[in-house]
């Protein structure tokens, strides 16, 4: 029986994939006289830790600069985006109100510095009654490792088999399965074919049914 719902943050609870990540990636790669194409590299990066995703981008585009410089440039651009362009995902608030008292948590790969900027705009800790967890808290391993989801389940005092994850990234879906949890995929960030491993795929929160949450 489903007792808890664990949400990813980026592209699920907060709308940052286009306003922050796509914009900053386009600007970053353009600064090296290259053109960023989200269809080429985006799905490889979604759900990964910031450093791992930056390394994927660095290698994919064969950047002629030190990785440290590239990482810092990306950090500055992303920080600017989080300070200015973060909002709640469309449909999330209505969905959350209909959860009938089920336990909820956020389990995210978002670095603490970006999370701090997000929380200045949106009081997520209050909404989730303090159940907001990062990979830094769960040992530092990013998705597809299951650590952050298992940590969230432990904090909720629920068995992983009684939890379902709402994700928008292939690595997140893999992490949910590695944790022994089912997954609902939101196709807000990558194409449906990249999300095929999820038990359910929806284009918005409005499409999530009671049957999926049973």
N, C-alpha and C. Protein backbone atom coordinates (compact mmCIF):
# COMPACT_ATOMS: atom_id res chain seq x y z
N UNK A 1 0.84 -1.20 0.00
CA UNK A 1 0.00 0.00 0.00
C UNK A 1 0.87 1.25 0.00
N UNK A 2 0.56 2.19 -0.86
CA UNK A 2 1.34 3.42 -0.95
C UNK A 2 1.09 4.29 0.28
N UNK A 3 2.18 4.70 0.93
CA UNK A 3 2.06 5.54 2.12
C UNK A 3 2.77 6.88 1.97
N UNK A 4 3.72 6.97 1.03
CA UNK A 4 4.49 8.20 0.92
C UNK A 4 4.83 8.51 -0.53
N UNK A 5 4.89 9.79 -0.83
CA UNK A 5 5.25 10.27 -2.17
C UNK A 5 6.51 11.11 -2.03
N UNK A 6 7.53 10.75 -2.77
CA UNK A 6 8.80 11.47 -2.73
C UNK A 6 8.99 12.20 -4.06
N UNK A 7 9.17 13.49 -3.98
CA UNK A 7 9.29 14.33 -5.16
C UNK A 7 10.75 14.70 -5.44
N UNK A 8 11.14 14.61 -6.70
CA UNK A 8 12.33 15.32 -7.14
C UNK A 8 11.99 16.81 -7.08
N UNK A 9 13.00 17.67 -7.18
CA UNK A 9 12.76 19.11 -7.08
C UNK A 9 12.79 19.80 -8.44
N UNK A 10 13.95 19.80 -9.10
CA UNK A 10 14.09 20.46 -10.40
C UNK A 10 13.16 19.86 -11.44
N UNK A 11 12.35 20.68 -12.06
CA UNK A 11 11.48 20.21 -13.13
C UNK A 11 10.28 19.44 -12.66
N UNK A 12 10.13 19.31 -11.34
CA UNK A 12 8.98 18.59 -10.77
C UNK A 12 8.21 19.52 -9.84
N UNK A 13 8.84 19.96 -8.77
CA UNK A 13 8.20 20.89 -7.84
C UNK A 13 8.46 22.34 -8.26
N UNK A 14 9.68 22.62 -8.69
CA UNK A 14 9.99 23.98 -9.16
C UNK A 14 10.34 23.95 -10.64
N UNK A 15 9.92 24.98 -11.32
CA UNK A 15 10.10 25.09 -12.78
C UNK A 15 11.42 25.79 -13.07
N UNK A 16 12.47 25.01 -13.22
CA UNK A 16 13.80 25.58 -13.45
C UNK A 16 14.47 25.05 -14.72
N UNK A 17 13.95 23.98 -15.27
CA UNK A 17 14.66 23.33 -16.37
C UNK A 17 14.86 24.26 -17.56
N UNK A 18 13.83 25.02 -17.91
CA UNK A 18 13.96 25.95 -19.04
C UNK A 18 14.52 27.29 -18.60
N UNK A 19 13.98 27.83 -17.51
CA UNK A 19 14.33 29.19 -17.11
C UNK A 19 15.75 29.31 -16.54
N UNK A 20 16.25 28.23 -15.93
CA UNK A 20 17.59 28.28 -15.35
C UNK A 20 18.57 27.42 -16.12
N UNK A 21 18.30 26.12 -16.20
CA UNK A 21 19.30 25.20 -16.74
C UNK A 21 19.52 25.38 -18.24
N UNK A 22 18.45 25.49 -19.01
CA UNK A 22 18.62 25.65 -20.45
C UNK A 22 19.28 26.98 -20.78
N UNK A 23 18.83 28.04 -20.14
CA UNK A 23 19.39 29.37 -20.41
C UNK A 23 20.86 29.43 -20.04
N UNK A 24 21.20 28.94 -18.87
CA UNK A 24 22.60 29.00 -18.42
C UNK A 24 23.50 28.11 -19.29
N UNK A 25 23.00 26.95 -19.70
CA UNK A 25 23.80 26.05 -20.55
C UNK A 25 24.05 26.67 -21.91
N UNK A 26 23.02 27.29 -22.47
CA UNK A 26 23.16 27.94 -23.77
C UNK A 26 24.20 29.06 -23.70
N UNK A 27 24.13 29.88 -22.65
CA UNK A 27 25.07 30.98 -22.49
C UNK A 27 26.49 30.47 -22.26
N UNK A 28 26.61 29.43 -21.46
CA UNK A 28 27.93 28.89 -21.14
C UNK A 28 28.62 28.34 -22.38
N UNK A 29 27.93 27.50 -23.12
CA UNK A 29 28.54 26.89 -24.30
C UNK A 29 28.82 27.95 -25.38
N UNK A 30 27.96 28.94 -25.48
CA UNK A 30 28.18 30.04 -26.44
C UNK A 30 29.45 30.81 -26.11
N UNK A 31 29.82 30.88 -24.84
CA UNK A 31 31.03 31.60 -24.45
C UNK A 31 32.29 30.89 -24.95
N UNK A 32 32.15 29.64 -25.38
CA UNK A 32 33.25 28.88 -25.98
C UNK A 32 33.07 28.74 -27.49
N UNK A 33 32.22 29.61 -28.04
CA UNK A 33 31.97 29.64 -29.50
C UNK A 33 31.40 28.32 -30.02
N UNK A 34 30.57 27.70 -29.20
CA UNK A 34 29.88 26.48 -29.58
C UNK A 34 28.38 26.67 -29.36
N UNK A 35 27.57 25.82 -29.96
CA UNK A 35 26.12 25.93 -29.82
C UNK A 35 25.59 24.78 -29.00
N UNK A 36 24.90 25.12 -27.92
CA UNK A 36 24.32 24.10 -27.05
C UNK A 36 23.03 23.57 -27.65
N UNK A 37 22.91 22.26 -27.71
CA UNK A 37 21.68 21.62 -28.18
C UNK A 37 21.20 20.67 -27.09
N UNK A 38 20.11 21.04 -26.47
CA UNK A 38 19.59 20.26 -25.35
C UNK A 38 19.28 18.82 -25.73
N UNK A 39 18.85 18.59 -26.96
CA UNK A 39 18.51 17.24 -27.39
C UNK A 39 19.73 16.33 -27.44
N UNK A 40 20.90 16.93 -27.62
CA UNK A 40 22.13 16.13 -27.69
C UNK A 40 22.61 15.68 -26.32
N UNK A 41 22.64 16.60 -25.37
CA UNK A 41 23.28 16.32 -24.09
C UNK A 41 22.36 16.42 -22.88
N UNK A 42 21.22 17.09 -23.02
CA UNK A 42 20.37 17.35 -21.87
C UNK A 42 19.95 16.11 -21.11
N UNK A 43 19.50 15.09 -21.84
CA UNK A 43 18.99 13.90 -21.15
C UNK A 43 20.08 13.14 -20.40
N UNK A 44 21.34 13.36 -20.79
CA UNK A 44 22.45 12.72 -20.09
C UNK A 44 22.73 13.39 -18.75
N UNK A 45 22.36 14.67 -18.66
CA UNK A 45 22.67 15.47 -17.49
C UNK A 45 21.56 15.52 -16.47
N UNK A 46 20.30 15.44 -16.90
CA UNK A 46 19.17 15.58 -15.98
C UNK A 46 19.23 14.52 -14.88
N UNK A 47 19.10 14.99 -13.66
CA UNK A 47 19.09 14.09 -12.51
C UNK A 47 20.45 13.84 -11.91
N UNK A 48 21.53 14.20 -12.63
CA UNK A 48 22.89 14.01 -12.11
C UNK A 48 23.22 15.14 -11.13
N UNK A 49 24.24 14.92 -10.30
CA UNK A 49 24.71 15.98 -9.43
C UNK A 49 25.26 17.12 -10.28
N UNK A 50 25.37 18.30 -9.70
CA UNK A 50 25.85 19.46 -10.46
C UNK A 50 27.23 19.20 -11.06
N UNK A 51 28.13 18.68 -10.25
CA UNK A 51 29.48 18.44 -10.74
C UNK A 51 29.50 17.35 -11.82
N UNK A 52 28.76 16.28 -11.62
CA UNK A 52 28.72 15.20 -12.61
C UNK A 52 28.12 15.69 -13.93
N UNK A 53 27.04 16.47 -13.84
CA UNK A 53 26.40 17.00 -15.04
C UNK A 53 27.32 17.96 -15.77
N UNK A 54 28.06 18.76 -15.02
CA UNK A 54 29.00 19.70 -15.62
C UNK A 54 30.12 18.94 -16.34
N UNK A 55 30.57 17.87 -15.75
CA UNK A 55 31.61 17.04 -16.39
C UNK A 55 31.09 16.43 -17.68
N UNK A 56 29.83 15.98 -17.68
CA UNK A 56 29.24 15.42 -18.90
C UNK A 56 29.23 16.48 -20.00
N UNK A 57 28.81 17.69 -19.66
CA UNK A 57 28.77 18.78 -20.63
C UNK A 57 30.18 19.13 -21.12
N UNK A 58 31.11 19.20 -20.22
CA UNK A 58 32.51 19.54 -20.53
C UNK A 58 33.10 18.54 -21.53
N UNK A 59 32.88 17.25 -21.27
CA UNK A 59 33.41 16.21 -22.16
C UNK A 59 32.65 16.17 -23.49
N UNK A 60 31.34 16.34 -23.42
CA UNK A 60 30.52 16.24 -24.63
C UNK A 60 30.90 17.31 -25.65
N UNK A 61 31.16 18.52 -25.16
CA UNK A 61 31.45 19.64 -26.06
C UNK A 61 32.96 19.88 -26.24
N UNK A 62 33.79 18.99 -25.70
CA UNK A 62 35.24 19.08 -25.89
C UNK A 62 35.74 20.50 -25.58
N UNK A 63 35.47 20.95 -24.39
CA UNK A 63 35.78 22.32 -23.99
C UNK A 63 37.29 22.52 -23.85
N UNK A 64 37.80 23.56 -24.51
CA UNK A 64 39.23 23.88 -24.46
C UNK A 64 39.49 24.88 -23.32
N UNK A 65 39.38 24.37 -22.11
CA UNK A 65 39.59 25.16 -20.90
C UNK A 65 39.71 24.16 -19.77
N UNK A 66 40.25 24.59 -18.65
CA UNK A 66 40.31 23.66 -17.52
C UNK A 66 38.90 23.37 -17.02
N UNK A 67 38.71 22.18 -16.49
CA UNK A 67 37.39 21.84 -15.97
C UNK A 67 37.03 22.75 -14.80
N UNK A 68 38.00 23.14 -14.01
CA UNK A 68 37.74 24.01 -12.86
C UNK A 68 37.17 25.36 -13.31
N UNK A 69 37.75 25.95 -14.37
CA UNK A 69 37.23 27.22 -14.89
C UNK A 69 35.82 27.05 -15.45
N UNK A 70 35.63 25.96 -16.18
CA UNK A 70 34.31 25.68 -16.77
C UNK A 70 33.26 25.50 -15.69
N UNK A 71 33.61 24.76 -14.65
CA UNK A 71 32.71 24.52 -13.54
C UNK A 71 32.32 25.83 -12.85
N UNK A 72 33.29 26.71 -12.63
CA UNK A 72 33.01 27.97 -11.95
C UNK A 72 32.15 28.89 -12.81
N UNK A 73 32.41 28.93 -14.11
CA UNK A 73 31.57 29.73 -15.01
C UNK A 73 30.13 29.24 -14.97
N UNK A 74 29.96 27.93 -14.99
CA UNK A 74 28.60 27.38 -14.95
C UNK A 74 27.94 27.69 -13.61
N UNK A 75 28.69 27.59 -12.54
CA UNK A 75 28.13 27.86 -11.21
C UNK A 75 27.61 29.30 -11.13
N UNK A 76 28.36 30.23 -11.67
CA UNK A 76 27.95 31.64 -11.62
C UNK A 76 26.68 31.89 -12.44
N UNK A 77 26.62 31.31 -13.63
CA UNK A 77 25.43 31.49 -14.47
C UNK A 77 24.19 30.85 -13.84
N UNK A 78 24.36 29.66 -13.28
CA UNK A 78 23.23 28.97 -12.67
C UNK A 78 22.77 29.69 -11.42
N UNK A 79 23.70 30.19 -10.62
CA UNK A 79 23.34 30.94 -9.42
C UNK A 79 22.51 32.16 -9.77
N UNK A 80 22.88 32.85 -10.83
CA UNK A 80 22.12 34.01 -11.28
C UNK A 80 20.70 33.61 -11.65
N UNK A 81 20.57 32.48 -12.33
CA UNK A 81 19.25 31.99 -12.73
C UNK A 81 18.39 31.65 -11.52
N UNK A 82 18.96 30.97 -10.54
CA UNK A 82 18.20 30.61 -9.36
C UNK A 82 17.80 31.83 -8.54
N UNK A 83 18.61 32.86 -8.59
CA UNK A 83 18.29 34.08 -7.85
C UNK A 83 17.15 34.86 -8.49
N UNK A 84 16.92 34.62 -9.80
CA UNK A 84 15.98 35.47 -10.53
C UNK A 84 14.79 34.75 -11.14
N UNK A 85 14.90 33.46 -11.44
CA UNK A 85 13.91 32.82 -12.32
C UNK A 85 13.36 31.50 -11.82
N UNK A 86 12.98 31.43 -10.56
CA UNK A 86 12.44 30.18 -10.01
C UNK A 86 10.96 30.36 -9.66
N UNK A 87 10.15 29.38 -10.05
CA UNK A 87 8.72 29.42 -9.73
C UNK A 87 8.22 28.00 -9.49
N UNK A 88 7.06 27.89 -8.87
CA UNK A 88 6.43 26.58 -8.65
C UNK A 88 5.97 26.01 -9.98
N UNK A 89 6.15 24.71 -10.16
CA UNK A 89 5.71 24.04 -11.38
C UNK A 89 4.19 24.13 -11.52
N UNK A 90 3.75 24.40 -12.71
CA UNK A 90 2.31 24.50 -12.98
C UNK A 90 1.61 23.20 -12.59
N UNK A 91 0.54 23.32 -11.84
CA UNK A 91 -0.26 22.16 -11.45
C UNK A 91 0.17 21.50 -10.16
N UNK A 92 1.37 21.84 -9.66
CA UNK A 92 1.85 21.17 -8.45
C UNK A 92 0.99 21.47 -7.24
N UNK A 93 0.67 22.74 -7.04
CA UNK A 93 -0.06 23.12 -5.82
C UNK A 93 -1.42 22.44 -5.74
N UNK A 94 -2.15 22.39 -6.85
CA UNK A 94 -3.45 21.71 -6.84
C UNK A 94 -3.30 20.23 -6.56
N UNK A 95 -2.29 19.62 -7.16
CA UNK A 95 -2.03 18.20 -6.92
C UNK A 95 -1.71 17.94 -5.45
N UNK A 96 -0.86 18.77 -4.89
CA UNK A 96 -0.41 18.57 -3.52
C UNK A 96 -1.58 18.65 -2.53
N UNK A 97 -2.53 19.52 -2.83
CA UNK A 97 -3.69 19.69 -1.94
C UNK A 97 -4.59 18.46 -1.91
N UNK A 98 -4.47 17.59 -2.91
CA UNK A 98 -5.35 16.43 -3.04
C UNK A 98 -4.72 15.12 -2.56
N UNK A 99 -3.64 15.20 -1.83
CA UNK A 99 -2.91 13.99 -1.45
C UNK A 99 -3.47 13.29 -0.22
N UNK A 100 -4.52 13.83 0.35
CA UNK A 100 -5.27 13.16 1.41
C UNK A 100 -4.40 12.71 2.59
N UNK A 101 -3.51 13.58 2.99
CA UNK A 101 -2.74 13.30 4.19
C UNK A 101 -1.58 12.34 4.03
N UNK A 102 -1.29 11.88 2.82
CA UNK A 102 -0.13 11.00 2.62
C UNK A 102 1.15 11.76 2.99
N UNK A 103 2.12 11.03 3.48
CA UNK A 103 3.40 11.65 3.79
C UNK A 103 4.12 12.05 2.50
N UNK A 104 4.85 13.14 2.55
CA UNK A 104 5.58 13.63 1.38
C UNK A 104 6.97 14.09 1.77
N UNK A 105 7.87 14.05 0.79
CA UNK A 105 9.23 14.56 0.99
C UNK A 105 9.78 14.99 -0.36
N UNK A 106 10.79 15.83 -0.31
CA UNK A 106 11.58 16.16 -1.49
C UNK A 106 12.94 15.50 -1.34
N UNK A 107 13.43 14.87 -2.41
CA UNK A 107 14.76 14.27 -2.44
C UNK A 107 15.46 14.77 -3.71
N UNK A 108 16.45 15.61 -3.54
CA UNK A 108 17.00 16.33 -4.68
C UNK A 108 18.51 16.23 -4.81
N UNK A 109 18.98 16.34 -6.06
CA UNK A 109 20.41 16.43 -6.34
C UNK A 109 20.89 17.88 -6.35
N UNK A 110 20.00 18.82 -6.12
CA UNK A 110 20.35 20.24 -6.19
C UNK A 110 21.38 20.60 -5.11
N UNK A 111 22.47 21.25 -5.49
CA UNK A 111 23.45 21.68 -4.50
C UNK A 111 22.84 22.65 -3.49
N UNK A 112 23.39 22.65 -2.30
CA UNK A 112 22.85 23.47 -1.21
C UNK A 112 22.79 24.95 -1.59
N UNK A 113 23.80 25.44 -2.32
CA UNK A 113 23.83 26.86 -2.66
C UNK A 113 22.64 27.25 -3.55
N UNK A 114 22.25 26.38 -4.46
CA UNK A 114 21.11 26.67 -5.33
C UNK A 114 19.80 26.46 -4.57
N UNK A 115 19.80 25.47 -3.69
CA UNK A 115 18.61 25.23 -2.88
C UNK A 115 18.32 26.43 -1.98
N UNK A 116 19.36 27.01 -1.40
CA UNK A 116 19.19 28.19 -0.56
C UNK A 116 18.55 29.33 -1.34
N UNK A 117 18.98 29.53 -2.59
CA UNK A 117 18.40 30.57 -3.42
C UNK A 117 16.93 30.27 -3.73
N UNK A 118 16.63 28.99 -3.99
CA UNK A 118 15.26 28.58 -4.27
C UNK A 118 14.35 28.85 -3.07
N UNK A 119 14.83 28.53 -1.89
CA UNK A 119 14.01 28.68 -0.69
C UNK A 119 13.75 30.14 -0.33
N UNK A 120 14.50 31.04 -0.91
CA UNK A 120 14.22 32.46 -0.71
C UNK A 120 12.94 32.86 -1.45
N UNK A 121 12.63 32.14 -2.53
CA UNK A 121 11.43 32.42 -3.31
C UNK A 121 10.22 31.61 -2.84
N UNK A 122 10.49 30.34 -2.48
CA UNK A 122 9.41 29.38 -2.25
C UNK A 122 9.63 28.66 -0.92
N UNK A 123 8.68 28.73 0.03
CA UNK A 123 8.86 28.14 1.36
C UNK A 123 8.61 26.63 1.37
N UNK A 124 9.46 25.90 0.70
CA UNK A 124 9.24 24.46 0.55
C UNK A 124 9.40 23.69 1.85
N UNK A 125 10.27 24.15 2.72
CA UNK A 125 10.45 23.42 3.99
C UNK A 125 9.17 23.45 4.82
N UNK A 126 8.47 24.56 4.79
CA UNK A 126 7.19 24.64 5.51
C UNK A 126 6.15 23.73 4.86
N UNK A 127 6.09 23.77 3.53
CA UNK A 127 5.10 22.97 2.82
C UNK A 127 5.30 21.48 3.06
N UNK A 128 6.57 21.04 3.10
CA UNK A 128 6.89 19.63 3.27
C UNK A 128 7.24 19.27 4.72
N UNK A 129 6.90 20.17 5.64
CA UNK A 129 7.09 19.92 7.08
C UNK A 129 8.52 19.49 7.40
N UNK A 130 9.47 20.14 6.73
CA UNK A 130 10.88 19.88 7.00
C UNK A 130 11.47 18.70 6.25
N UNK A 131 10.64 17.94 5.54
CA UNK A 131 11.14 16.75 4.83
C UNK A 131 11.69 17.12 3.45
N UNK A 132 12.82 17.79 3.45
CA UNK A 132 13.49 18.19 2.23
C UNK A 132 14.95 17.75 2.34
N UNK A 133 15.35 16.81 1.49
CA UNK A 133 16.64 16.15 1.65
C UNK A 133 17.48 16.24 0.38
N UNK A 134 18.78 16.40 0.55
CA UNK A 134 19.71 16.53 -0.57
C UNK A 134 20.70 15.37 -0.56
N UNK A 135 21.39 15.21 -1.68
CA UNK A 135 22.40 14.14 -1.75
C UNK A 135 23.55 14.41 -0.77
N UNK A 136 23.77 15.67 -0.42
CA UNK A 136 24.81 15.97 0.57
C UNK A 136 24.46 15.34 1.91
N UNK A 137 23.18 15.35 2.27
CA UNK A 137 22.74 14.75 3.53
C UNK A 137 22.77 13.24 3.50
N UNK A 138 22.59 12.66 2.31
CA UNK A 138 22.46 11.20 2.22
C UNK A 138 23.79 10.52 1.88
N UNK A 139 24.88 11.26 1.91
CA UNK A 139 26.19 10.64 1.70
C UNK A 139 26.96 11.16 0.51
N UNK A 140 26.32 11.98 -0.35
CA UNK A 140 27.05 12.62 -1.44
C UNK A 140 26.94 11.95 -2.79
N UNK A 141 26.41 10.73 -2.83
CA UNK A 141 26.30 10.05 -4.13
C UNK A 141 25.02 10.50 -4.83
N UNK A 142 25.18 10.93 -6.09
CA UNK A 142 24.03 11.40 -6.85
C UNK A 142 23.25 10.27 -7.50
N UNK A 143 22.12 10.59 -8.04
CA UNK A 143 21.32 9.65 -8.82
C UNK A 143 22.11 9.26 -10.07
N UNK A 144 22.08 8.00 -10.52
CA UNK A 144 21.09 6.95 -10.24
C UNK A 144 21.31 6.12 -8.96
N UNK A 145 22.31 6.49 -8.14
CA UNK A 145 22.40 5.82 -6.84
C UNK A 145 21.12 6.11 -6.05
N UNK A 146 20.65 5.17 -5.28
CA UNK A 146 19.35 5.32 -4.60
C UNK A 146 19.41 6.06 -3.27
N UNK A 147 20.60 6.48 -2.86
CA UNK A 147 20.83 6.94 -1.49
C UNK A 147 19.84 8.00 -1.02
N UNK A 148 19.62 9.03 -1.83
CA UNK A 148 18.79 10.15 -1.36
C UNK A 148 17.32 9.71 -1.20
N UNK A 149 16.85 8.80 -2.03
CA UNK A 149 15.48 8.30 -1.89
C UNK A 149 15.36 7.39 -0.67
N UNK A 150 16.36 6.56 -0.45
CA UNK A 150 16.34 5.70 0.73
C UNK A 150 16.42 6.53 2.01
N UNK A 151 17.19 7.58 1.96
CA UNK A 151 17.32 8.48 3.12
C UNK A 151 15.99 9.15 3.43
N UNK A 152 15.31 9.61 2.38
CA UNK A 152 14.00 10.25 2.56
C UNK A 152 13.00 9.26 3.16
N UNK A 153 12.98 8.03 2.65
CA UNK A 153 12.06 7.01 3.18
C UNK A 153 12.34 6.73 4.65
N UNK A 154 13.62 6.67 4.99
CA UNK A 154 13.99 6.43 6.39
C UNK A 154 13.51 7.56 7.28
N UNK A 155 13.68 8.79 6.81
CA UNK A 155 13.24 9.95 7.59
C UNK A 155 11.71 9.98 7.74
N UNK A 156 11.02 9.48 6.73
CA UNK A 156 9.55 9.40 6.80
C UNK A 156 9.08 8.19 7.59
N UNK A 157 10.05 7.31 7.94
CA UNK A 157 9.77 6.06 8.66
C UNK A 157 8.84 5.17 7.85
N UNK A 158 9.15 5.07 6.55
CA UNK A 158 8.36 4.21 5.65
C UNK A 158 9.28 3.23 4.94
N UNK A 159 8.75 2.07 4.65
CA UNK A 159 9.49 1.09 3.86
C UNK A 159 9.56 1.60 2.42
N UNK A 160 10.69 1.45 1.74
CA UNK A 160 10.79 1.92 0.35
C UNK A 160 9.72 1.37 -0.56
N UNK A 161 9.27 0.14 -0.32
CA UNK A 161 8.24 -0.47 -1.17
C UNK A 161 6.91 0.25 -1.05
N UNK A 162 6.74 1.06 -0.02
CA UNK A 162 5.50 1.79 0.21
C UNK A 162 5.61 3.26 -0.22
N UNK A 163 6.68 3.55 -0.98
CA UNK A 163 6.90 4.91 -1.47
C UNK A 163 6.87 4.92 -3.00
N UNK A 164 6.40 6.02 -3.56
CA UNK A 164 6.48 6.23 -5.00
C UNK A 164 7.19 7.56 -5.24
N UNK A 165 7.99 7.60 -6.30
CA UNK A 165 8.77 8.79 -6.63
C UNK A 165 8.17 9.48 -7.85
N UNK A 166 8.14 10.81 -7.82
CA UNK A 166 7.75 11.59 -9.00
C UNK A 166 9.00 12.28 -9.51
N UNK A 167 9.40 11.94 -10.73
CA UNK A 167 10.68 12.36 -11.31
C UNK A 167 10.48 12.88 -12.73
N UNK A 168 11.50 13.58 -13.23
CA UNK A 168 11.46 14.04 -14.62
C UNK A 168 12.71 13.63 -15.38
N UNK A 169 13.58 12.82 -14.75
CA UNK A 169 14.87 12.49 -15.36
C UNK A 169 15.10 10.98 -15.37
N UNK A 170 15.71 10.47 -16.44
CA UNK A 170 16.01 9.04 -16.49
C UNK A 170 16.84 8.56 -15.31
N UNK A 171 17.85 9.34 -14.90
CA UNK A 171 18.68 8.94 -13.76
C UNK A 171 17.86 8.88 -12.48
N UNK A 172 16.88 9.76 -12.34
CA UNK A 172 16.02 9.74 -11.17
C UNK A 172 15.13 8.53 -11.13
N UNK A 173 14.61 8.14 -12.29
CA UNK A 173 13.77 6.94 -12.37
C UNK A 173 14.60 5.71 -12.02
N UNK A 174 15.81 5.65 -12.54
CA UNK A 174 16.71 4.53 -12.22
C UNK A 174 17.01 4.50 -10.73
N UNK A 175 17.22 5.67 -10.14
CA UNK A 175 17.50 5.74 -8.70
C UNK A 175 16.31 5.25 -7.89
N UNK A 176 15.10 5.62 -8.32
CA UNK A 176 13.90 5.15 -7.62
C UNK A 176 13.81 3.63 -7.65
N UNK A 177 14.03 3.05 -8.81
CA UNK A 177 13.99 1.59 -8.93
C UNK A 177 15.10 0.93 -8.12
N UNK A 178 16.28 1.55 -8.11
CA UNK A 178 17.38 1.01 -7.31
C UNK A 178 17.06 1.06 -5.82
N UNK A 179 16.16 1.97 -5.45
CA UNK A 179 15.73 2.07 -4.05
C UNK A 179 14.56 1.14 -3.74
N UNK A 180 14.05 0.43 -4.75
CA UNK A 180 12.91 -0.45 -4.54
C UNK A 180 11.58 0.29 -4.54
N UNK A 181 11.54 1.43 -5.23
CA UNK A 181 10.34 2.25 -5.30
C UNK A 181 9.81 2.30 -6.73
N UNK A 182 8.51 2.54 -6.87
CA UNK A 182 7.94 2.79 -8.19
C UNK A 182 8.18 4.25 -8.58
N UNK A 183 7.97 4.56 -9.86
CA UNK A 183 8.22 5.92 -10.32
C UNK A 183 7.13 6.40 -11.27
N UNK A 184 6.73 7.64 -11.08
CA UNK A 184 5.89 8.37 -12.04
C UNK A 184 6.80 9.39 -12.71
N UNK A 185 6.83 9.37 -14.03
CA UNK A 185 7.68 10.29 -14.78
C UNK A 185 6.85 11.45 -15.34
N UNK A 186 7.32 12.65 -15.08
CA UNK A 186 6.76 13.85 -15.69
C UNK A 186 7.58 14.18 -16.93
N UNK A 187 6.93 14.28 -18.07
CA UNK A 187 7.66 14.56 -19.31
C UNK A 187 7.82 16.06 -19.53
N UNK A 188 8.27 16.74 -18.47
CA UNK A 188 8.44 18.19 -18.53
C UNK A 188 9.84 18.59 -18.98
N UNK A 189 10.79 17.66 -18.93
CA UNK A 189 12.18 18.01 -19.21
C UNK A 189 12.79 17.25 -20.37
N UNK A 190 12.43 15.97 -20.51
CA UNK A 190 12.99 15.16 -21.60
C UNK A 190 11.84 14.46 -22.31
N UNK A 191 12.14 13.92 -23.47
CA UNK A 191 11.10 13.28 -24.28
C UNK A 191 10.63 11.97 -23.63
N UNK A 192 9.43 11.57 -23.98
CA UNK A 192 8.79 10.40 -23.37
C UNK A 192 9.62 9.14 -23.55
N UNK A 193 10.28 8.98 -24.69
CA UNK A 193 11.04 7.76 -24.93
C UNK A 193 12.20 7.60 -23.95
N UNK A 194 12.69 8.70 -23.39
CA UNK A 194 13.78 8.63 -22.41
C UNK A 194 13.27 8.24 -21.03
N UNK A 195 11.94 8.22 -20.85
CA UNK A 195 11.34 7.95 -19.55
C UNK A 195 10.63 6.60 -19.50
N UNK A 196 10.90 5.77 -20.49
CA UNK A 196 10.13 4.53 -20.68
C UNK A 196 10.24 3.56 -19.51
N UNK A 197 11.25 3.67 -18.67
CA UNK A 197 11.43 2.73 -17.56
C UNK A 197 10.47 3.01 -16.41
N UNK A 198 9.84 4.17 -16.39
CA UNK A 198 8.91 4.50 -15.30
C UNK A 198 7.64 3.67 -15.40
N UNK A 199 7.00 3.42 -14.26
CA UNK A 199 5.73 2.69 -14.26
C UNK A 199 4.63 3.49 -14.95
N UNK A 200 4.68 4.81 -14.77
CA UNK A 200 3.69 5.69 -15.39
C UNK A 200 4.40 6.92 -15.96
N UNK A 201 3.89 7.42 -17.08
CA UNK A 201 4.43 8.64 -17.68
C UNK A 201 3.27 9.61 -17.90
N UNK A 202 3.42 10.82 -17.41
CA UNK A 202 2.38 11.84 -17.55
C UNK A 202 3.02 13.13 -18.04
N UNK A 203 2.22 13.98 -18.65
CA UNK A 203 2.74 15.26 -19.14
C UNK A 203 2.51 16.38 -18.14
N UNK A 204 1.67 16.13 -17.12
CA UNK A 204 1.39 17.15 -16.11
C UNK A 204 0.86 16.48 -14.86
N UNK A 205 0.84 17.22 -13.77
CA UNK A 205 0.30 16.69 -12.51
C UNK A 205 -1.18 16.33 -12.64
N UNK A 206 -1.89 17.04 -13.50
CA UNK A 206 -3.32 16.80 -13.67
C UNK A 206 -3.61 15.39 -14.19
N UNK A 207 -2.63 14.75 -14.81
CA UNK A 207 -2.82 13.42 -15.37
C UNK A 207 -2.54 12.29 -14.37
N UNK A 208 -2.05 12.64 -13.20
CA UNK A 208 -1.78 11.61 -12.19
C UNK A 208 -3.10 11.20 -11.52
N UNK A 209 -3.41 9.93 -11.60
CA UNK A 209 -4.69 9.42 -11.10
C UNK A 209 -4.56 8.78 -9.72
N UNK A 210 -5.69 8.58 -9.07
CA UNK A 210 -5.69 7.88 -7.78
C UNK A 210 -5.16 6.46 -7.92
N UNK A 211 -5.43 5.85 -9.07
CA UNK A 211 -4.94 4.48 -9.30
C UNK A 211 -3.41 4.43 -9.29
N UNK A 212 -2.77 5.43 -9.84
CA UNK A 212 -1.31 5.46 -9.84
C UNK A 212 -0.75 5.58 -8.43
N UNK A 213 -1.53 6.16 -7.55
CA UNK A 213 -1.07 6.41 -6.18
C UNK A 213 -1.61 5.37 -5.20
N UNK A 214 -2.14 4.29 -5.72
CA UNK A 214 -2.72 3.26 -4.83
C UNK A 214 -1.67 2.22 -4.43
